C-alpha atoms as a PDB file:
ATOM      1  CA  MET A   1      -0.206  -0.109  -0.142  1.00  0.00           C
ATOM      2  CA  SER A   2       1.224   3.331  -0.817  1.00  0.00           C
ATOM      3  CA  SER A   3       2.051   6.092   1.772  1.00  0.00           C
ATOM      4  CA  THR A   4      -0.894   8.111   0.125  1.00  0.00           C
ATOM      5  CA  ALA A   5      -3.295   5.315   0.757  1.00  0.00           C
ATOM      6  CA  GLN A   6      -2.090   4.879   4.152  1.00  0.00           C
ATOM      7  CA  LYS A   7      -2.805   8.459   4.936  1.00  0.00           C
ATOM      8  CA  GLN A   8      -6.221   8.418   3.507  1.00  0.00           C
ATOM      9  CA  SER A   9      -7.129   5.234   5.353  1.00  0.00           C
ATOM     10  CA  VAL A  10      -5.890   6.784   8.746  1.00  0.00           C
ATOM     11  CA  GLN A  11      -7.741   9.939   7.926  1.00  0.00           C
ATOM     12  CA  GLY A  12     -10.951   8.015   7.298  1.00  0.00           C
ATOM     13  CA  VAL A  13     -10.828   6.427  10.590  1.00  0.00           C
ATOM     14  CA  SER A  14     -12.885   8.506  13.205  1.00  0.00           C
ATOM     15  CA  THR A  15     -11.418   8.818  16.552  1.00  0.00           C
ATOM     16  CA  PRO A  16     -13.914   8.413  19.268  1.00  0.00           C
ATOM     17  CA  PRO A  17     -14.627  11.601  21.482  1.00  0.00           C
ATOM     18  CA  LYS A  18     -13.062  11.763  24.792  1.00  0.00           C
ATOM     19  CA  LYS A  19     -15.532  10.795  27.601  1.00  0.00           C
ATOM     20  CA  ILE A  20     -16.052  13.410  30.302  1.00  0.00           C
ATOM     21  CA  ASP A  21     -15.004  11.882  33.646  1.00  0.00           C
ATOM     22  CA  ILE A  22     -17.959  13.680  35.954  1.00  0.00           C
ATOM     23  CA  GLY A  23     -16.274  11.904  39.096  1.00  0.00           C
ATOM     24  CA  ARG A  24     -12.986  13.500  38.325  1.00  0.00           C
ATOM     25  CA  LEU A  25     -14.364  16.823  37.403  1.00  0.00           C
ATOM     26  CA  LEU A  26     -16.468  16.941  40.662  1.00  0.00           C
ATOM     27  CA  LEU A  27     -13.382  16.023  42.675  1.00  0.00           C
ATOM     28  CA  GLU A  28     -11.031  18.602  41.175  1.00  0.00           C
ATOM     29  CA  GLY A  29     -13.759  21.339  41.331  1.00  0.00           C
ATOM     30  CA  ARG A  30     -15.121  20.504  44.806  1.00  0.00           C
ATOM     31  CA  ALA A  31     -14.379  23.906  46.303  1.00  0.00           C
ATOM     32  CA  PHE A  32     -16.425  25.622  43.660  1.00  0.00           C
ATOM     33  CA  PHE A  33     -19.300  23.282  43.912  1.00  0.00           C
ATOM     34  CA  ALA A  34     -19.279  23.473  47.486  1.00  0.00           C
ATOM     35  CA  LEU A  35     -19.445  27.168  47.467  1.00  0.00           C
ATOM     36  CA  ILE A  36     -22.211  27.325  44.987  1.00  0.00           C
ATOM     37  CA  ALA A  37     -24.102  24.871  47.239  1.00  0.00           C
ATOM     38  CA  ILE A  38     -23.547  26.615  50.260  1.00  0.00           C
ATOM     39  CA  ILE A  39     -24.814  30.036  48.584  1.00  0.00           C
ATOM     40  CA  ILE A  40     -27.927  28.342  47.188  1.00  0.00           C
ATOM     41  CA  PHE A  41     -28.947  26.459  50.479  1.00  0.00           C
ATOM     42  CA  PHE A  42     -28.464  29.827  52.686  1.00  0.00           C
ATOM     43  CA  SER A  43     -30.198  32.040  50.054  1.00  0.00           C
ATOM     44  CA  PHE A  44     -33.351  29.757  50.466  1.00  0.00           C
ATOM     45  CA  MET A  45     -32.916  29.658  54.131  1.00  0.00           C
ATOM     46  CA  SER A  46     -32.718  33.434  54.623  1.00  0.00           C
ATOM     47  CA  PRO A  47     -33.752  36.539  52.555  1.00  0.00           C
ATOM     48  CA  TYR A  48     -30.917  38.444  53.875  1.00  0.00           C
ATOM     49  CA  TYR A  49     -28.085  36.191  52.757  1.00  0.00           C
ATOM     50  CA  PHE A  50     -28.333  36.673  48.940  1.00  0.00           C
ATOM     51  CA  THR A  51     -27.636  40.487  48.831  1.00  0.00           C
ATOM     52  CA  VAL A  52     -24.806  42.418  47.521  1.00  0.00           C
ATOM     53  CA  ASN A  53     -24.092  44.228  50.935  1.00  0.00           C
ATOM     54  CA  ASN A  54     -24.148  40.981  52.820  1.00  0.00           C
ATOM     55  CA  PHE A  55     -21.828  39.308  50.251  1.00  0.00           C
ATOM     56  CA  LEU A  56     -19.437  42.380  50.766  1.00  0.00           C
ATOM     57  CA  ILE A  57     -19.521  41.918  54.403  1.00  0.00           C
ATOM     58  CA  MET A  58     -18.899  38.404  54.445  1.00  0.00           C
ATOM     59  CA  SER A  59     -15.933  38.929  51.883  1.00  0.00           C
ATOM     60  CA  SER A  60     -14.355  41.234  54.278  1.00  0.00           C
ATOM     61  CA  HIS A  61     -14.449  38.440  57.050  1.00  0.00           C
ATOM     62  CA  VAL A  62     -13.157  36.098  54.569  1.00  0.00           C
ATOM     63  CA  ALA A  63     -10.106  38.506  53.848  1.00  0.00           C
ATOM     64  CA  ILE A  64      -8.642  37.535  57.281  1.00  0.00           C
ATOM     65  CA  PHE A  65      -8.877  33.682  56.545  1.00  0.00           C
ATOM     66  CA  GLY A  66      -7.764  34.420  52.870  1.00  0.00           C
ATOM     67  CA  LEU A  67      -4.614  36.139  53.644  1.00  0.00           C
ATOM     68  CA  LEU A  68      -3.393  33.598  56.040  1.00  0.00           C
ATOM     69  CA  ALA A  69      -4.454  30.780  53.645  1.00  0.00           C
ATOM     70  CA  LEU A  70      -2.394  32.466  50.883  1.00  0.00           C
ATOM     71  CA  GLY A  71       0.862  32.599  53.078  1.00  0.00           C
ATOM     72  CA  MET A  72      -0.003  28.905  54.228  1.00  0.00           C
ATOM     73  CA  LEU A  73      -0.402  27.659  50.655  1.00  0.00           C
ATOM     74  CA  LEU A  74       3.138  28.879  49.893  1.00  0.00           C
ATOM     75  CA  VAL A  75       4.501  26.811  52.860  1.00  0.00           C
ATOM     76  CA  ILE A  76       2.534  23.698  51.868  1.00  0.00           C
ATOM     77  CA  LEU A  77       3.596  23.897  48.308  1.00  0.00           C
ATOM     78  CA  ASN A  78       6.957  23.733  49.607  1.00  0.00           C
ATOM     79  CA  GLY A  79       6.153  20.517  51.775  1.00  0.00           C
ATOM     80  CA  GLY A  80       5.990  22.227  54.964  1.00  0.00           C
ATOM     81  CA  ILE A  81       3.417  23.672  57.442  1.00  0.00           C
ATOM     82  CA  ASP A  82       3.187  26.917  59.505  1.00  0.00           C
ATOM     83  CA  LEU A  83       1.277  26.522  62.713  1.00  0.00           C
ATOM     84  CA  SER A  84       2.404  30.034  63.964  1.00  0.00           C
ATOM     85  CA  VAL A  85       0.453  32.088  61.577  1.00  0.00           C
ATOM     86  CA  GLY A  86      -2.471  32.508  64.060  1.00  0.00           C
ATOM     87  CA  SER A  87      -0.265  33.587  66.906  1.00  0.00           C
ATOM     88  CA  THR A  88       1.800  35.900  64.744  1.00  0.00           C
ATOM     89  CA  LEU A  89      -1.530  37.557  63.519  1.00  0.00           C
ATOM     90  CA  GLY A  90      -2.152  38.142  67.248  1.00  0.00           C
ATOM     91  CA  LEU A  91       1.225  39.426  67.845  1.00  0.00           C
ATOM     92  CA  CYS A  92       1.369  41.759  64.880  1.00  0.00           C
ATOM     93  CA  GLY A  93      -2.023  43.129  65.742  1.00  0.00           C
ATOM     94  CA  VAL A  94      -0.927  43.895  69.202  1.00  0.00           C
ATOM     95  CA  PHE A  95       2.298  45.362  68.138  1.00  0.00           C
ATOM     96  CA  ALA A  96       0.190  47.609  65.670  1.00  0.00           C
ATOM     97  CA  GLY A  97      -2.172  48.491  68.638  1.00  0.00           C
ATOM     98  CA  PHE A  98       0.807  49.314  70.703  1.00  0.00           C
ATOM     99  CA  LEU A  99       2.256  51.821  68.078  1.00  0.00           C
ATOM    100  CA  MET A 100      -1.088  53.555  67.546  1.00  0.00           C
ATOM    101  CA  GLN A 101      -1.245  54.249  71.465  1.00  0.00           C
ATOM    102  CA  GLY A 102       1.971  55.927  71.270  1.00  0.00           C
ATOM    103  CA  VAL A 103       5.504  55.004  71.840  1.00  0.00           C
ATOM    104  CA  ASN A 104       6.879  56.514  75.143  1.00  0.00           C
ATOM    105  CA  ILE A 105      10.673  57.370  74.796  1.00  0.00           C
ATOM    106  CA  GLU A 106      11.785  57.766  78.276  1.00  0.00           C
ATOM    107  CA  PHE A 107      15.422  59.210  77.526  1.00  0.00           C
ATOM    108  CA  LEU A 108      13.996  61.718  75.305  1.00  0.00           C
ATOM    109  CA  GLY A 109      11.219  62.766  77.459  1.00  0.00           C
ATOM    110  CA  MET A 110       8.803  62.335  74.599  1.00  0.00           C
ATOM    111  CA  THR A 111       5.985  60.231  73.024  1.00  0.00           C
ATOM    112  CA  PHE A 112       6.280  59.160  69.447  1.00  0.00           C
ATOM    113  CA  TYR A 113       2.878  58.770  67.410  1.00  0.00           C
ATOM    114  CA  PRO A 114       3.589  57.013  64.156  1.00  0.00           C
ATOM    115  CA  SER A 115       1.336  57.585  60.980  1.00  0.00           C
ATOM    116  CA  LEU A 116      -0.867  54.778  59.837  1.00  0.00           C
ATOM    117  CA  TRP A 117       1.643  53.742  57.071  1.00  0.00           C
ATOM    118  CA  VAL A 118       4.571  53.620  59.438  1.00  0.00           C
ATOM    119  CA  VAL A 119       2.304  51.353  61.691  1.00  0.00           C
ATOM    120  CA  VAL A 120       1.765  49.155  58.580  1.00  0.00           C
ATOM    121  CA  VAL A 121       5.455  48.901  57.417  1.00  0.00           C
ATOM    122  CA  LEU A 122       6.669  48.181  60.899  1.00  0.00           C
ATOM    123  CA  THR A 123       3.932  45.567  61.624  1.00  0.00           C
ATOM    124  CA  CYS A 124       4.767  43.730  58.216  1.00  0.00           C
ATOM    125  CA  LEU A 125       8.537  43.703  59.040  1.00  0.00           C
ATOM    126  CA  LEU A 126       7.646  42.200  62.502  1.00  0.00           C
ATOM    127  CA  GLY A 127       5.813  39.497  60.652  1.00  0.00           C
ATOM    128  CA  ALA A 128       8.757  38.868  58.177  1.00  0.00           C
ATOM    129  CA  ALA A 129      10.793  38.484  61.135  1.00  0.00           C
ATOM    130  CA  VAL A 130       8.705  35.672  62.777  1.00  0.00           C
ATOM    131  CA  GLY A 131       8.515  34.085  59.582  1.00  0.00           C
ATOM    132  CA  THR A 132      12.342  34.259  58.741  1.00  0.00           C
ATOM    133  CA  VAL A 133      12.852  32.616  62.240  1.00  0.00           C
ATOM    134  CA  ASN A 134      10.777  29.760  61.034  1.00  0.00           C
ATOM    135  CA  GLY A 135      12.597  29.644  57.821  1.00  0.00           C
ATOM    136  CA  VAL A 136      15.915  29.622  59.313  1.00  0.00           C
ATOM    137  CA  LEU A 137      14.941  26.973  61.916  1.00  0.00           C
ATOM    138  CA  VAL A 138      13.510  24.668  59.146  1.00  0.00           C
ATOM    139  CA  ALA A 139      15.930  25.180  56.262  1.00  0.00           C
ATOM    140  CA  HIS A 140      19.311  25.788  58.231  1.00  0.00           C
ATOM    141  CA  PHE A 141      18.776  23.966  61.515  1.00  0.00           C
ATOM    142  CA  LYS A 142      16.688  21.138  60.051  1.00  0.00           C
ATOM    143  CA  VAL A 143      14.199  21.268  62.719  1.00  0.00           C
ATOM    144  CA  PRO A 144      10.913  19.815  61.597  1.00  0.00           C
ATOM    145  CA  ALA A 145       8.510  22.366  60.457  1.00  0.00           C
ATOM    146  CA  PHE A 146       5.783  21.193  62.580  1.00  0.00           C
ATOM    147  CA  VAL A 147       8.113  21.312  65.807  1.00  0.00           C
ATOM    148  CA  ALA A 148       9.556  24.858  64.811  1.00  0.00           C
ATOM    149  CA  THR A 149       6.534  26.605  64.003  1.00  0.00           C
ATOM    150  CA  LEU A 150       4.718  24.919  67.145  1.00  0.00           C
ATOM    151  CA  GLY A 151       7.413  26.429  69.179  1.00  0.00           C
ATOM    152  CA  THR A 152       7.184  29.739  67.501  1.00  0.00           C
ATOM    153  CA  MET A 153       3.529  29.784  67.940  1.00  0.00           C
ATOM    154  CA  TYR A 154       3.884  29.781  71.859  1.00  0.00           C
ATOM    155  CA  VAL A 155       6.677  32.219  71.854  1.00  0.00           C
ATOM    156  CA  ALA A 156       4.780  34.739  69.709  1.00  0.00           C
ATOM    157  CA  ARG A 157       1.605  34.260  71.855  1.00  0.00           C
ATOM    158  CA  GLY A 158       3.614  34.727  74.911  1.00  0.00           C
ATOM    159  CA  ILE A 159       5.267  37.875  73.788  1.00  0.00           C
ATOM    160  CA  ALA A 160       1.813  39.327  72.842  1.00  0.00           C
ATOM    161  CA  LEU A 161       0.639  38.454  76.395  1.00  0.00           C
ATOM    162  CA  LEU A 162       3.544  40.056  77.954  1.00  0.00           C
ATOM    163  CA  MET A 163       3.087  43.264  75.800  1.00  0.00           C
ATOM    164  CA  THR A 164      -0.468  43.896  77.033  1.00  0.00           C
ATOM    165  CA  ASN A 165      -0.286  42.097  80.470  1.00  0.00           C
ATOM    166  CA  GLY A 166      -3.185  40.187  79.183  1.00  0.00           C
ATOM    167  CA  LEU A 167      -5.272  43.157  78.189  1.00  0.00           C
ATOM    168  CA  THR A 168      -6.651  44.623  75.145  1.00  0.00           C
ATOM    169  CA  TYR A 169      -5.706  47.903  73.343  1.00  0.00           C
ATOM    170  CA  ASN A 170      -8.926  49.542  72.801  1.00  0.00           C
ATOM    171  CA  GLN A 171      -9.809  52.899  70.778  1.00  0.00           C
ATOM    172  CA  LEU A 172      -7.277  52.656  68.102  1.00  0.00           C
ATOM    173  CA  ASP A 173      -8.936  55.381  66.137  1.00  0.00           C
ATOM    174  CA  GLY A 174      -6.048  57.690  66.943  1.00  0.00           C
ATOM    175  CA  LYS A 175      -6.343  61.497  67.097  1.00  0.00           C
ATOM    176  CA  PRO A 176      -5.903  64.016  64.280  1.00  0.00           C
ATOM    177  CA  GLU A 177      -3.890  66.517  66.484  1.00  0.00           C
ATOM    178  CA  LEU A 178      -1.337  63.688  66.966  1.00  0.00           C
ATOM    179  CA  GLY A 179      -1.520  62.769  63.173  1.00  0.00           C
ATOM    180  CA  ASN A 180      -1.969  58.876  63.770  1.00  0.00           C
ATOM    181  CA  THR A 181      -5.668  58.751  62.503  1.00  0.00           C
ATOM    182  CA  GLY A 182      -6.866  56.258  59.775  1.00  0.00           C
ATOM    183  CA  PHE A 183      -6.401  53.052  61.395  1.00  0.00           C
ATOM    184  CA  GLU A 184      -9.962  51.891  60.816  1.00  0.00           C
ATOM    185  CA  TRP A 185      -9.702  52.780  57.511  1.00  0.00           C
ATOM    186  CA  LEU A 186      -8.367  49.305  56.647  1.00  0.00           C
ATOM    187  CA  GLY A 187     -11.384  47.627  58.277  1.00  0.00           C
ATOM    188  CA  PHE A 188     -14.338  49.912  57.447  1.00  0.00           C
ATOM    189  CA  ASN A 189     -13.615  52.217  54.489  1.00  0.00           C
ATOM    190  CA  ARG A 190     -14.499  50.977  50.770  1.00  0.00           C
ATOM    191  CA  LEU A 191     -13.165  52.081  47.488  1.00  0.00           C
ATOM    192  CA  ALA A 192     -15.867  52.067  44.782  1.00  0.00           C
ATOM    193  CA  GLY A 193     -18.175  50.301  47.258  1.00  0.00           C
ATOM    194  CA  ILE A 194     -15.659  47.272  47.789  1.00  0.00           C
ATOM    195  CA  PRO A 195     -14.199  47.141  51.385  1.00  0.00           C
ATOM    196  CA  ILE A 196     -10.479  47.685  51.666  1.00  0.00           C
ATOM    197  CA  SER A 197      -9.804  44.472  53.095  1.00  0.00           C
ATOM    198  CA  VAL A 198     -11.219  42.626  50.073  1.00  0.00           C
ATOM    199  CA  ILE A 199      -8.930  44.804  47.783  1.00  0.00           C
ATOM    200  CA  VAL A 200      -5.954  43.929  49.984  1.00  0.00           C
ATOM    201  CA  LEU A 201      -6.902  40.060  49.513  1.00  0.00           C
ATOM    202  CA  VAL A 202      -7.257  40.479  45.953  1.00  0.00           C
ATOM    203  CA  VAL A 203      -4.083  42.515  45.385  1.00  0.00           C
ATOM    204  CA  VAL A 204      -2.135  39.713  47.650  1.00  0.00           C
ATOM    205  CA  ALA A 205      -3.696  36.714  45.745  1.00  0.00           C
ATOM    206  CA  VAL A 206      -2.896  38.206  42.405  1.00  0.00           C
ATOM    207  CA  LEU A 207       0.713  38.767  43.377  1.00  0.00           C
ATOM    208  CA  CYS A 208       0.982  35.314  44.805  1.00  0.00           C
ATOM    209  CA  GLY A 209      -0.533  33.941  41.516  1.00  0.00           C
ATOM    210  CA  LEU A 210       2.052  35.738  39.428  1.00  0.00           C
ATOM    211  CA  MET A 211       4.687  34.852  41.744  1.00  0.00           C
ATOM    212  CA  ILE A 212       4.110  31.078  41.514  1.00  0.00           C
ATOM    213  CA  SER A 213       3.124  30.855  37.805  1.00  0.00           C
ATOM    214  CA  ARG A 214       5.343  33.397  36.064  1.00  0.00           C
ATOM    215  CA  THR A 215       8.768  33.558  37.862  1.00  0.00           C
ATOM    216  CA  ALA A 216      11.606  31.186  38.457  1.00  0.00           C
ATOM    217  CA  PHE A 217      10.875  31.071  42.087  1.00  0.00           C
ATOM    218  CA  GLY A 218       7.378  29.587  41.533  1.00  0.00           C
ATOM    219  CA  ARG A 219       9.069  26.816  39.405  1.00  0.00           C
ATOM    220  CA  TRP A 220      11.656  26.359  42.243  1.00  0.00           C
ATOM    221  CA  LEU A 221       8.766  26.400  44.596  1.00  0.00           C
ATOM    222  CA  TYR A 222       6.681  23.591  42.993  1.00  0.00           C
ATOM    223  CA  ALA A 223       9.912  21.585  42.295  1.00  0.00           C
ATOM    224  CA  SER A 224      11.175  21.679  45.814  1.00  0.00           C
ATOM    225  CA  GLY A 225       7.713  20.798  47.159  1.00  0.00           C
ATOM    226  CA  GLY A 226       7.366  17.899  44.705  1.00  0.00           C
ATOM    227  CA  ASN A 227      10.705  16.176  45.254  1.00  0.00           C
ATOM    228  CA  GLU A 228      13.225  18.115  47.244  1.00  0.00           C
ATOM    229  CA  THR A 229      16.283  15.777  46.649  1.00  0.00           C
ATOM    230  CA  ALA A 230      15.749  15.966  42.738  1.00  0.00           C
ATOM    231  CA  ALA A 231      15.136  19.783  42.862  1.00  0.00           C
ATOM    232  CA  ASP A 232      18.598  20.258  44.909  1.00  0.00           C
ATOM    233  CA  LEU A 233      20.393  18.214  42.399  1.00  0.00           C
ATOM    234  CA  SER A 234      18.939  20.382  39.667  1.00  0.00           C
ATOM    235  CA  GLY A 235      20.411  23.370  41.133  1.00  0.00           C
ATOM    236  CA  VAL A 236      17.311  24.763  42.940  1.00  0.00           C
ATOM    237  CA  PRO A 237      18.491  26.935  45.981  1.00  0.00           C
ATOM    238  CA  ILE A 238      16.029  25.057  48.361  1.00  0.00           C
ATOM    239  CA  LYS A 239      17.124  26.673  51.590  1.00  0.00           C
ATOM    240  CA  ARG A 240      16.535  30.091  50.155  1.00  0.00           C
ATOM    241  CA  VAL A 241      13.040  28.909  48.876  1.00  0.00           C
ATOM    242  CA  LYS A 242      12.236  27.565  52.473  1.00  0.00           C
ATOM    243  CA  VAL A 243      13.174  30.757  54.312  1.00  0.00           C
ATOM    244  CA  THR A 244      11.346  32.881  51.713  1.00  0.00           C
ATOM    245  CA  VAL A 245       7.976  31.127  52.038  1.00  0.00           C
ATOM    246  CA  TYR A 246       8.069  31.220  55.652  1.00  0.00           C
ATOM    247  CA  LEU A 247       8.948  34.957  55.566  1.00  0.00           C
ATOM    248  CA  LEU A 248       6.049  35.583  53.230  1.00  0.00           C
ATOM    249  CA  SER A 249       3.705  33.510  55.276  1.00  0.00           C
ATOM    250  CA  GLY A 250       4.735  35.659  58.276  1.00  0.00           C
ATOM    251  CA  VAL A 251       3.898  38.987  56.012  1.00  0.00           C
ATOM    252  CA  CYS A 252       0.702  37.685  55.135  1.00  0.00           C
ATOM    253  CA  ALA A 253      -0.344  36.918  58.785  1.00  0.00           C
ATOM    254  CA  ALA A 254       0.915  40.494  59.691  1.00  0.00           C
ATOM    255  CA  LEU A 255      -1.387  41.791  57.116  1.00  0.00           C
ATOM    256  CA  ALA A 256      -4.343  39.651  58.428  1.00  0.00           C
ATOM    257  CA  GLY A 257      -3.689  40.920  61.971  1.00  0.00           C
ATOM    258  CA  LEU A 258      -3.924  44.621  60.779  1.00  0.00           C
ATOM    259  CA  VAL A 259      -6.940  43.931  59.007  1.00  0.00           C
ATOM    260  CA  LEU A 260      -8.617  42.124  62.035  1.00  0.00           C
ATOM    261  CA  SER A 261      -7.496  44.853  64.424  1.00  0.00           C
ATOM    262  CA  SER A 262      -8.830  47.683  62.096  1.00  0.00           C
ATOM    263  CA  GLN A 263     -12.203  45.850  61.954  1.00  0.00           C
ATOM    264  CA  LEU A 264     -12.313  45.485  65.789  1.00  0.00           C
ATOM    265  CA  THR A 265     -10.668  49.040  66.426  1.00  0.00           C
ATOM    266  CA  SER A 266      -8.881  46.903  69.160  1.00  0.00           C
ATOM    267  CA  ALA A 267      -6.238  44.536  69.448  1.00  0.00           C
ATOM    268  CA  GLY A 268      -6.006  41.633  71.958  1.00  0.00           C
ATOM    269  CA  PRO A 269      -3.366  39.173  72.653  1.00  0.00           C
ATOM    270  CA  THR A 270      -5.567  36.109  72.155  1.00  0.00           C
ATOM    271  CA  ALA A 271      -6.731  37.236  68.601  1.00  0.00           C
ATOM    272  CA  GLY A 272      -6.169  34.624  65.966  1.00  0.00           C
ATOM    273  CA  THR A 273      -6.313  31.653  68.208  1.00  0.00           C
ATOM    274  CA  THR A 274      -6.853  28.386  66.001  1.00  0.00           C
ATOM    275  CA  TYR A 275      -6.735  30.635  62.854  1.00  0.00           C
ATOM    276  CA  GLU A 276      -3.793  28.476  61.759  1.00  0.00           C
ATOM    277  CA  LEU A 277      -6.063  25.479  61.649  1.00  0.00           C
ATOM    278  CA  THR A 278      -8.698  27.483  59.555  1.00  0.00           C
ATOM    279  CA  ALA A 279      -5.846  28.422  57.012  1.00  0.00           C
ATOM    280  CA  ILE A 280      -4.956  24.894  56.640  1.00  0.00           C
ATOM    281  CA  ALA A 281      -8.366  23.939  56.003  1.00  0.00           C
ATOM    282  CA  ALA A 282      -8.896  26.452  53.360  1.00  0.00           C
ATOM    283  CA  VAL A 283      -5.776  25.088  51.572  1.00  0.00           C
ATOM    284  CA  VAL A 284      -6.751  21.668  51.633  1.00  0.00           C
ATOM    285  CA  ILE A 285     -10.542  22.527  50.594  1.00  0.00           C
ATOM    286  CA  GLY A 286      -8.867  24.276  47.711  1.00  0.00           C
ATOM    287  CA  GLY A 287      -7.254  21.096  46.552  1.00  0.00           C
ATOM    288  CA  ALA A 288      -3.792  21.462  47.541  1.00  0.00           C
ATOM    289  CA  ALA A 289      -1.717  18.327  48.435  1.00  0.00           C
ATOM    290  CA  LEU A 290      -0.562  18.252  51.947  1.00  0.00           C
ATOM    291  CA  THR A 291       2.778  16.429  50.635  1.00  0.00           C
ATOM    292  CA  GLY A 292       3.635  19.495  48.782  1.00  0.00           C
ATOM    293  CA  GLY A 293       4.165  20.504  45.273  1.00  0.00           C
ATOM    294  CA  ARG A 294       0.404  20.729  44.167  1.00  0.00           C
ATOM    295  CA  GLY A 295      -2.129  23.738  44.644  1.00  0.00           C
ATOM    296  CA  THR A 296      -3.257  26.842  43.395  1.00  0.00           C
ATOM    297  CA  VAL A 297      -4.082  30.339  44.492  1.00  0.00           C
ATOM    298  CA  ARG A 298      -7.521  30.069  42.929  1.00  0.00           C
ATOM    299  CA  GLY A 299      -8.439  26.993  44.827  1.00  0.00           C
ATOM    300  CA  THR A 300      -7.071  28.359  48.063  1.00  0.00           C
ATOM    301  CA  ILE A 301      -9.429  31.568  47.715  1.00  0.00           C
ATOM    302  CA  LEU A 302     -12.319  29.359  46.853  1.00  0.00           C
ATOM    303  CA  GLY A 303     -11.515  27.245  50.076  1.00  0.00           C
ATOM    304  CA  ALA A 304     -11.398  30.383  52.190  1.00  0.00           C
ATOM    305  CA  LEU A 305     -14.755  31.560  50.638  1.00  0.00           C
ATOM    306  CA  VAL A 306     -16.321  28.199  51.487  1.00  0.00           C
ATOM    307  CA  ILE A 307     -15.483  28.437  55.181  1.00  0.00           C
ATOM    308  CA  GLY A 308     -16.301  32.027  55.401  1.00  0.00           C
ATOM    309  CA  TYR A 309     -19.588  31.850  53.847  1.00  0.00           C
ATOM    310  CA  LEU A 310     -20.576  28.719  55.633  1.00  0.00           C
ATOM    311  CA  SER A 311     -19.740  30.251  58.953  1.00  0.00           C
ATOM    312  CA  ASP A 312     -21.476  33.591  58.370  1.00  0.00           C
ATOM    313  CA  GLY A 313     -24.557  31.730  56.861  1.00  0.00           C
ATOM    314  CA  LEU A 314     -24.988  29.798  60.136  1.00  0.00           C
ATOM    315  CA  VAL A 315     -24.992  32.957  62.083  1.00  0.00           C
ATOM    316  CA  ILE A 316     -27.557  34.581  59.945  1.00  0.00           C
ATOM    317  CA  ILE A 317     -29.840  31.614  60.174  1.00  0.00           C
ATOM    318  CA  GLY A 318     -29.291  31.648  63.906  1.00  0.00           C
ATOM    319  CA  VAL A 319     -27.413  28.306  64.274  1.00  0.00           C
ATOM    320  CA  SER A 320     -25.843  27.675  67.788  1.00  0.00           C
ATOM    321  CA  ALA A 321     -22.131  28.402  67.956  1.00  0.00           C
ATOM    322  CA  TYR A 322     -21.553  24.988  69.008  1.00  0.00           C
ATOM    323  CA  TRP A 323     -23.222  23.457  66.096  1.00  0.00           C
ATOM    324  CA  GLN A 324     -21.211  25.844  63.844  1.00  0.00           C
ATOM    325  CA  THR A 325     -18.067  24.336  65.023  1.00  0.00           C
ATOM    326  CA  VAL A 326     -19.354  20.956  64.339  1.00  0.00           C
ATOM    327  CA  PHE A 327     -20.448  21.714  60.772  1.00  0.00           C
ATOM    328  CA  THR A 328     -17.206  23.602  60.014  1.00  0.00           C
ATOM    329  CA  GLY A 329     -15.160  20.605  61.367  1.00  0.00           C
ATOM    330  CA  THR A 330     -17.137  18.144  59.365  1.00  0.00           C
ATOM    331  CA  VAL A 331     -16.405  20.169  56.052  1.00  0.00           C
ATOM    332  CA  ILE A 332     -12.834  20.139  57.023  1.00  0.00           C
ATOM    333  CA  VAL A 333     -12.735  16.387  57.315  1.00  0.00           C
ATOM    334  CA  LEU A 334     -14.650  15.811  54.066  1.00  0.00           C
ATOM    335  CA  ALA A 335     -12.123  17.925  52.492  1.00  0.00           C
ATOM    336  CA  VAL A 336      -9.170  15.912  53.791  1.00  0.00           C
ATOM    337  CA  LEU A 337     -10.899  12.734  52.631  1.00  0.00           C
ATOM    338  CA  LEU A 338     -11.513  14.090  48.967  1.00  0.00           C
ATOM    339  CA  ASN A 339      -7.722  15.294  49.303  1.00  0.00           C
ATOM    340  CA  SER A 340      -6.672  11.899  49.876  1.00  0.00           C
ATOM    341  CA  LEU A 341      -8.963  10.309  47.202  1.00  0.00           C
ATOM    342  CA  GLN A 342      -7.506  12.820  44.666  1.00  0.00           C
ATOM    343  CA  TYR A 343      -3.707  12.510  45.485  1.00  0.00           C
ATOM    344  CA  GLY A 344      -3.275   9.205  47.385  1.00  0.00           C
ATOM    345  CA  SER A 345      -0.442   8.654  49.669  1.00  0.00           C
ATOM    346  CA  SER A 346       2.148   9.707  47.006  1.00  0.00           C
ATOM    347  CA  GLY A 347       0.781  13.282  46.599  1.00  0.00           C
ATOM    348  CA  LYS A 348       0.223  12.319  42.736  1.00  0.00           C
ATOM    349  CA  SER A 349      -3.043  13.502  41.348  1.00  0.00           C
ATOM    350  CA  ARG A 350      -5.063  10.451  40.238  1.00  0.00           C
END
């Protein structure tokens, strides 16, 4: 048979269309479908749920968990875990409140009242410092991430309690004559009708997405999380990557602390307790593999929305706070089970 005849015979054979795997589609898009189901359910349960204003309010609450979850995503992609983000949030919130109250400089006989942006920058630097400590312990001293961040969690919470003596900094509005007003601007002000906290979350999410998808650091991050030994042999600076992801996680926790304190116009040393578990849950619900190397910013944001919209929906329909904990925990367990089905013990997608 000539080559022309062979080509004609091959072209004449129709290839069967690819079948759509509904189970796989539902599994990979579980966060999106869960979010749609939550919105539909609570919209039927309460006439106040499906309104633009309510979605904006709920999204401002989600911003806190979302910021923590984005930092946690970077750490989990690297194959680690950060249990200190909740305590870092509390410490940074207290530090911001301490600065807004005025810093008394005794040897100069004066009190310094920093402006809002000075407070924001210094607080983010504190979060970066806590994250750097975690990164150095894990990368250079080979301390297991669970143990290192667990210790940092207690240290950060203890420092916050020492700074305030167990009390709360109230009335963080500032005074115009002192030039330190505007702290509540982060929590209550809106730009084009959208809460500032939501805008902050969107900006951070976009930057994280671009970083992990369009830069060499992102490729290093996925490579080191998928197989650290192979990445090291390929020339990936795995220690630098580890320190950087924990540093960025600390910065995200600091931003979350600023947003939470500004929404409450107060800063307490116990703020952010158990928030690290919520952040991990958002990442897992979003489809990331706890073994590292797999996960997306889009999925993590959807996971944070699932937790936030579910919690606020239960509040709106008047469900007891105890039952709220049960429902949220059930969602987290289901997410982990689905995560295991998707990736298995090896961390590879099925």
